[in-house]
Amino acid sequence: MENYKLFDAEYKFACIVWEREPINSTELVKLCAKELGWKKSTTYTVLKKLCERNVLQNVDAMVTSLVKKEDVQKYESNTIVEKTFDGSLPKFLTAFLDNRKITSEEANELRQIIEEATK
């Protein structure tokens, strides 16, 4: 699996792009000022870094993603399970669900996911 590690601020920034792409870079600067409290220079610095890492692209002042949000989420969740729970999904779920109640709909959805994964 490719390395789609995004730091917290980068992830929040990428979410703004994912939700609105394609987005004009000037509009992106305004949104980052409003939603993240960033200066123009910060926005362009983070944009440049994510473009260099082939997460986003900025062509003719139009910003779009090269990596899907779902791919970043998969990478992050796999990394957490591997690093924190020795790759054990049951250990992860046990820790995640500790003292937490789930609805019957959530339980059914999880059963369906497990059924699909075991086919």
N, C-alpha and C. Protein backbone atom coordinates (compact mmCIF):
# COMPACT_ATOMS: atom_id res chain seq x y z
N MET A 1 0.85 -1.19 0.00
CA MET A 1 0.00 0.00 0.00
C MET A 1 0.89 1.25 0.00
N GLU A 2 0.53 2.19 -0.81
CA GLU A 2 1.32 3.42 -0.88
C GLU A 2 1.24 4.20 0.42
N ASN A 3 2.23 5.06 0.64
CA ASN A 3 2.27 5.87 1.85
C ASN A 3 1.45 7.15 1.64
N TYR A 4 0.28 7.17 2.25
CA TYR A 4 -0.59 8.34 2.16
C TYR A 4 -0.68 9.01 3.51
N LYS A 5 0.43 9.06 4.23
CA LYS A 5 0.46 9.69 5.55
C LYS A 5 0.29 11.20 5.39
N LEU A 6 -0.77 11.71 6.01
CA LEU A 6 -0.98 13.16 6.06
C LEU A 6 -1.00 13.58 7.51
N PHE A 7 -0.30 14.64 7.81
CA PHE A 7 -0.36 15.19 9.15
C PHE A 7 -1.72 15.85 9.35
N ASP A 8 -2.10 16.10 10.58
CA ASP A 8 -3.44 16.59 10.90
C ASP A 8 -3.82 17.83 10.08
N ALA A 9 -2.95 18.81 10.05
CA ALA A 9 -3.25 20.04 9.31
C ALA A 9 -3.36 19.76 7.81
N GLU A 10 -2.50 18.88 7.30
CA GLU A 10 -2.56 18.52 5.89
C GLU A 10 -3.88 17.82 5.56
N TYR A 11 -4.31 16.96 6.46
CA TYR A 11 -5.57 16.23 6.25
C TYR A 11 -6.75 17.20 6.22
N LYS A 12 -6.79 18.14 7.16
CA LYS A 12 -7.86 19.14 7.18
C LYS A 12 -7.86 19.96 5.90
N PHE A 13 -6.68 20.32 5.44
CA PHE A 13 -6.52 21.07 4.20
C PHE A 13 -7.03 20.24 3.01
N ALA A 14 -6.60 18.98 2.94
CA ALA A 14 -7.02 18.11 1.85
C ALA A 14 -8.53 17.90 1.86
N CYS A 15 -9.12 17.84 3.05
CA CYS A 15 -10.58 17.69 3.14
C CYS A 15 -11.30 18.86 2.48
N ILE A 16 -10.76 20.05 2.67
CA ILE A 16 -11.35 21.23 2.02
C ILE A 16 -11.32 21.05 0.50
N VAL A 17 -10.21 20.55 -0.01
CA VAL A 17 -10.10 20.32 -1.45
C VAL A 17 -11.04 19.21 -1.88
N TRP A 18 -11.03 18.06 -1.16
CA TRP A 18 -11.89 16.93 -1.54
C TRP A 18 -13.37 17.32 -1.59
N GLU A 19 -13.78 18.16 -0.65
CA GLU A 19 -15.19 18.55 -0.58
C GLU A 19 -15.60 19.50 -1.70
N ARG A 20 -14.63 20.19 -2.29
CA ARG A 20 -14.99 21.25 -3.24
C ARG A 20 -14.30 21.16 -4.59
N GLU A 21 -13.52 20.15 -4.81
CA GLU A 21 -12.73 20.11 -6.05
C GLU A 21 -13.59 19.97 -7.30
N PRO A 22 -13.14 20.54 -8.40
CA PRO A 22 -11.95 21.39 -8.53
C PRO A 22 -12.20 22.76 -7.89
N ILE A 23 -11.16 23.28 -7.27
CA ILE A 23 -11.30 24.57 -6.59
C ILE A 23 -10.17 25.50 -7.02
N ASN A 24 -10.53 26.73 -7.27
CA ASN A 24 -9.57 27.76 -7.64
C ASN A 24 -8.66 28.04 -6.44
N SER A 25 -7.37 28.20 -6.67
CA SER A 25 -6.42 28.39 -5.57
C SER A 25 -6.71 29.66 -4.77
N THR A 26 -7.22 30.69 -5.41
CA THR A 26 -7.57 31.92 -4.69
C THR A 26 -8.73 31.66 -3.73
N GLU A 27 -9.71 30.90 -4.19
CA GLU A 27 -10.84 30.53 -3.33
C GLU A 27 -10.36 29.64 -2.19
N LEU A 28 -9.41 28.76 -2.49
CA LEU A 28 -8.84 27.88 -1.47
C LEU A 28 -8.16 28.69 -0.37
N VAL A 29 -7.45 29.73 -0.75
CA VAL A 29 -6.80 30.61 0.23
C VAL A 29 -7.85 31.24 1.15
N LYS A 30 -8.95 31.71 0.57
CA LYS A 30 -10.03 32.33 1.37
C LYS A 30 -10.65 31.32 2.33
N LEU A 31 -10.90 30.10 1.84
CA LEU A 31 -11.50 29.06 2.68
C LEU A 31 -10.57 28.65 3.82
N CYS A 32 -9.28 28.55 3.53
CA CYS A 32 -8.32 28.18 4.56
C CYS A 32 -8.18 29.27 5.62
N ALA A 33 -8.29 30.52 5.21
CA ALA A 33 -8.27 31.62 6.17
C ALA A 33 -9.48 31.53 7.09
N LYS A 34 -10.63 31.26 6.49
CA LYS A 34 -11.88 31.20 7.24
C LYS A 34 -11.96 29.95 8.13
N GLU A 35 -11.66 28.78 7.55
CA GLU A 35 -11.88 27.52 8.26
C GLU A 35 -10.70 27.06 9.11
N LEU A 36 -9.48 27.43 8.71
CA LEU A 36 -8.29 26.97 9.42
C LEU A 36 -7.51 28.09 10.10
N GLY A 37 -7.88 29.34 9.77
CA GLY A 37 -7.16 30.48 10.34
C GLY A 37 -5.78 30.68 9.74
N TRP A 38 -5.59 30.20 8.52
CA TRP A 38 -4.29 30.26 7.87
C TRP A 38 -4.09 31.54 7.08
N LYS A 39 -2.81 31.95 7.00
CA LYS A 39 -2.43 33.05 6.11
C LYS A 39 -2.25 32.48 4.70
N LYS A 40 -2.26 33.37 3.73
CA LYS A 40 -2.08 32.97 2.33
C LYS A 40 -0.80 32.15 2.16
N SER A 41 0.28 32.59 2.79
CA SER A 41 1.57 31.91 2.63
C SER A 41 1.51 30.48 3.18
N THR A 42 0.80 30.27 4.27
CA THR A 42 0.66 28.93 4.85
C THR A 42 -0.08 28.02 3.88
N THR A 43 -1.18 28.52 3.33
CA THR A 43 -1.96 27.73 2.38
C THR A 43 -1.11 27.31 1.20
N TYR A 44 -0.36 28.25 0.62
CA TYR A 44 0.45 27.92 -0.54
C TYR A 44 1.61 26.99 -0.19
N THR A 45 2.15 27.10 1.01
CA THR A 45 3.22 26.21 1.44
C THR A 45 2.71 24.77 1.56
N VAL A 46 1.56 24.60 2.21
CA VAL A 46 0.99 23.26 2.37
C VAL A 46 0.56 22.71 1.01
N LEU A 47 -0.02 23.55 0.18
CA LEU A 47 -0.41 23.12 -1.16
C LEU A 47 0.81 22.63 -1.94
N LYS A 48 1.89 23.38 -1.88
CA LYS A 48 3.12 23.01 -2.59
C LYS A 48 3.64 21.66 -2.09
N LYS A 49 3.64 21.46 -0.78
CA LYS A 49 4.13 20.19 -0.21
C LYS A 49 3.27 19.02 -0.67
N LEU A 50 1.95 19.20 -0.66
CA LEU A 50 1.07 18.11 -1.06
C LEU A 50 1.13 17.85 -2.57
N CYS A 51 1.44 18.87 -3.34
CA CYS A 51 1.65 18.68 -4.77
C CYS A 51 2.95 17.92 -5.01
N GLU A 52 4.00 18.26 -4.27
CA GLU A 52 5.29 17.57 -4.40
C GLU A 52 5.17 16.10 -4.03
N ARG A 53 4.26 15.78 -3.11
CA ARG A 53 4.05 14.39 -2.68
C ARG A 53 2.96 13.69 -3.50
N ASN A 54 2.51 14.35 -4.58
CA ASN A 54 1.51 13.79 -5.50
C ASN A 54 0.19 13.43 -4.82
N VAL A 55 -0.20 14.23 -3.84
CA VAL A 55 -1.51 14.08 -3.20
C VAL A 55 -2.51 15.00 -3.91
N LEU A 56 -2.05 16.23 -4.21
CA LEU A 56 -2.86 17.22 -4.91
C LEU A 56 -2.12 17.69 -6.14
N GLN A 57 -2.83 18.39 -7.01
CA GLN A 57 -2.18 19.06 -8.14
C GLN A 57 -2.79 20.44 -8.30
N ASN A 58 -1.96 21.36 -8.76
CA ASN A 58 -2.38 22.74 -8.98
C ASN A 58 -2.00 23.10 -10.42
N VAL A 59 -2.99 23.05 -11.31
CA VAL A 59 -2.75 23.33 -12.72
C VAL A 59 -3.58 24.54 -13.11
N ASP A 60 -2.90 25.57 -13.57
CA ASP A 60 -3.57 26.81 -13.98
C ASP A 60 -4.48 27.34 -12.87
N ALA A 61 -3.98 27.31 -11.63
CA ALA A 61 -4.68 27.82 -10.44
C ALA A 61 -5.92 27.03 -10.08
N MET A 62 -6.07 25.82 -10.64
CA MET A 62 -7.16 24.93 -10.26
C MET A 62 -6.57 23.74 -9.49
N VAL A 63 -7.06 23.57 -8.27
CA VAL A 63 -6.53 22.53 -7.40
C VAL A 63 -7.48 21.33 -7.42
N THR A 64 -6.91 20.16 -7.65
CA THR A 64 -7.65 18.90 -7.61
C THR A 64 -6.80 17.85 -6.89
N SER A 65 -7.45 16.76 -6.52
CA SER A 65 -6.73 15.70 -5.82
C SER A 65 -6.21 14.65 -6.79
N LEU A 66 -5.09 14.07 -6.44
CA LEU A 66 -4.55 12.92 -7.16
C LEU A 66 -4.76 11.64 -6.34
N VAL A 67 -5.07 11.83 -5.06
CA VAL A 67 -5.30 10.72 -4.14
C VAL A 67 -6.70 10.88 -3.56
N LYS A 68 -7.44 9.79 -3.48
CA LYS A 68 -8.78 9.84 -2.92
C LYS A 68 -8.74 9.87 -1.40
N LYS A 69 -9.73 10.51 -0.82
CA LYS A 69 -9.86 10.57 0.64
C LYS A 69 -9.90 9.15 1.21
N GLU A 70 -10.63 8.25 0.54
CA GLU A 70 -10.76 6.87 1.01
C GLU A 70 -9.41 6.17 1.08
N ASP A 71 -8.51 6.47 0.14
CA ASP A 71 -7.18 5.85 0.16
C ASP A 71 -6.36 6.33 1.36
N VAL A 72 -6.49 7.60 1.69
CA VAL A 72 -5.80 8.13 2.87
C VAL A 72 -6.38 7.49 4.13
N GLN A 73 -7.70 7.37 4.20
CA GLN A 73 -8.34 6.76 5.36
C GLN A 73 -7.92 5.30 5.52
N LYS A 74 -7.86 4.55 4.42
CA LYS A 74 -7.41 3.15 4.47
C LYS A 74 -5.99 3.06 4.99
N TYR A 75 -5.11 3.91 4.45
CA TYR A 75 -3.72 3.90 4.88
C TYR A 75 -3.61 4.19 6.38
N GLU A 76 -4.29 5.24 6.82
CA GLU A 76 -4.23 5.64 8.24
C GLU A 76 -4.77 4.54 9.15
N SER A 77 -5.91 3.95 8.80
CA SER A 77 -6.50 2.93 9.66
C SER A 77 -5.63 1.68 9.68
N ASN A 78 -5.07 1.29 8.54
CA ASN A 78 -4.15 0.14 8.52
C ASN A 78 -2.91 0.41 9.37
N THR A 79 -2.40 1.64 9.30
CA THR A 79 -1.22 2.00 10.08
C THR A 79 -1.51 1.91 11.57
N ILE A 80 -2.67 2.39 11.99
CA ILE A 80 -3.04 2.34 13.42
C ILE A 80 -3.15 0.89 13.88
N VAL A 81 -3.82 0.06 13.11
CA VAL A 81 -3.99 -1.35 13.49
C VAL A 81 -2.62 -2.04 13.56
N GLU A 82 -1.77 -1.80 12.57
CA GLU A 82 -0.44 -2.42 12.55
C GLU A 82 0.43 -1.94 13.71
N LYS A 83 0.48 -0.63 13.89
CA LYS A 83 1.39 -0.04 14.88
C LYS A 83 0.92 -0.25 16.31
N THR A 84 -0.35 -0.06 16.56
CA THR A 84 -0.86 -0.05 17.93
C THR A 84 -1.39 -1.39 18.39
N PHE A 85 -1.87 -2.21 17.46
CA PHE A 85 -2.53 -3.47 17.84
C PHE A 85 -1.88 -4.69 17.19
N ASP A 86 -0.59 -4.55 16.83
CA ASP A 86 0.17 -5.66 16.23
C ASP A 86 -0.55 -6.29 15.05
N GLY A 87 -1.29 -5.49 14.29
CA GLY A 87 -1.98 -5.97 13.11
C GLY A 87 -3.25 -6.75 13.40
N SER A 88 -3.67 -6.77 14.66
CA SER A 88 -4.85 -7.55 15.05
C SER A 88 -6.12 -6.71 15.00
N LEU A 89 -6.98 -7.03 14.04
CA LEU A 89 -8.26 -6.34 13.93
C LEU A 89 -9.14 -6.62 15.15
N PRO A 90 -9.20 -7.87 15.65
CA PRO A 90 -10.00 -8.11 16.88
C PRO A 90 -9.52 -7.28 18.08
N LYS A 91 -8.20 -7.12 18.24
CA LYS A 91 -7.68 -6.29 19.35
C LYS A 91 -8.12 -4.83 19.16
N PHE A 92 -8.04 -4.36 17.92
CA PHE A 92 -8.46 -3.00 17.62
C PHE A 92 -9.93 -2.80 17.95
N LEU A 93 -10.79 -3.71 17.47
CA LEU A 93 -12.23 -3.59 17.72
C LEU A 93 -12.56 -3.67 19.20
N THR A 94 -11.87 -4.55 19.92
CA THR A 94 -12.09 -4.66 21.36
C THR A 94 -11.78 -3.33 22.05
N ALA A 95 -10.65 -2.73 21.69
CA ALA A 95 -10.28 -1.44 22.29
C ALA A 95 -11.24 -0.34 21.86
N PHE A 96 -11.62 -0.34 20.59
CA PHE A 96 -12.50 0.69 20.05
C PHE A 96 -13.88 0.63 20.68
N LEU A 97 -14.39 -0.58 20.88
CA LEU A 97 -15.75 -0.75 21.38
C LEU A 97 -15.83 -0.80 22.90
N ASP A 98 -14.71 -0.74 23.59
CA ASP A 98 -14.70 -0.81 25.05
C ASP A 98 -15.65 0.23 25.65
N ASN A 99 -16.62 -0.25 26.42
CA ASN A 99 -17.62 0.60 27.09
C ASN A 99 -18.45 1.44 26.13
N ARG A 100 -18.54 1.04 24.88
CA ARG A 100 -19.30 1.77 23.89
C ARG A 100 -20.42 0.87 23.38
N LYS A 101 -21.57 1.42 23.27
CA LYS A 101 -22.70 0.68 22.73
C LYS A 101 -22.85 1.04 21.26
N ILE A 102 -23.17 0.02 20.45
CA ILE A 102 -23.47 0.28 19.04
C ILE A 102 -24.92 -0.10 18.79
N THR A 103 -25.47 0.53 17.78
CA THR A 103 -26.87 0.25 17.44
C THR A 103 -26.96 -1.10 16.73
N SER A 104 -28.14 -1.65 16.68
CA SER A 104 -28.33 -2.91 15.96
C SER A 104 -28.04 -2.71 14.47
N GLU A 105 -28.32 -1.51 13.94
CA GLU A 105 -28.00 -1.22 12.54
C GLU A 105 -26.49 -1.26 12.31
N GLU A 106 -25.73 -0.67 13.24
CA GLU A 106 -24.27 -0.70 13.11
C GLU A 106 -23.76 -2.14 13.21
N ALA A 107 -24.31 -2.92 14.13
CA ALA A 107 -23.91 -4.32 14.28
C ALA A 107 -24.19 -5.10 13.00
N ASN A 108 -25.35 -4.87 12.40
CA ASN A 108 -25.68 -5.54 11.14
C ASN A 108 -24.74 -5.13 10.02
N GLU A 109 -24.41 -3.85 9.98
CA GLU A 109 -23.49 -3.36 8.95
C GLU A 109 -22.11 -3.99 9.12
N LEU A 110 -21.65 -4.10 10.37
CA LEU A 110 -20.36 -4.74 10.63
C LEU A 110 -20.39 -6.22 10.23
N ARG A 111 -21.49 -6.91 10.53
CA ARG A 111 -21.63 -8.31 10.12
C ARG A 111 -21.52 -8.45 8.60
N GLN A 112 -22.18 -7.54 7.88
CA GLN A 112 -22.14 -7.58 6.41
C GLN A 112 -20.71 -7.34 5.89
N ILE A 113 -20.02 -6.41 6.52
CA ILE A 113 -18.64 -6.12 6.12
C ILE A 113 -17.77 -7.35 6.33
N ILE A 114 -17.94 -8.00 7.47
CA ILE A 114 -17.15 -9.21 7.79
C ILE A 114 -17.49 -10.33 6.82
N GLU A 115 -18.78 -10.49 6.53
CA GLU A 115 -19.21 -11.53 5.57
C GLU A 115 -18.54 -11.31 4.21
N GLU A 116 -18.57 -10.06 3.75
CA GLU A 116 -17.96 -9.74 2.45
C GLU A 116 -16.46 -9.99 2.46
N ALA A 117 -15.81 -9.66 3.57
CA ALA A 117 -14.36 -9.79 3.67
C ALA A 117 -13.91 -11.25 3.73
N THR A 118 -14.80 -12.15 4.14
CA THR A 118 -14.43 -13.56 4.27
C THR A 118 -14.79 -14.38 3.03
N LYS A 119 -15.35 -13.75 2.02
CA LYS A 119 -15.72 -14.47 0.79
C LYS A 119 -14.51 -14.67 -0.09
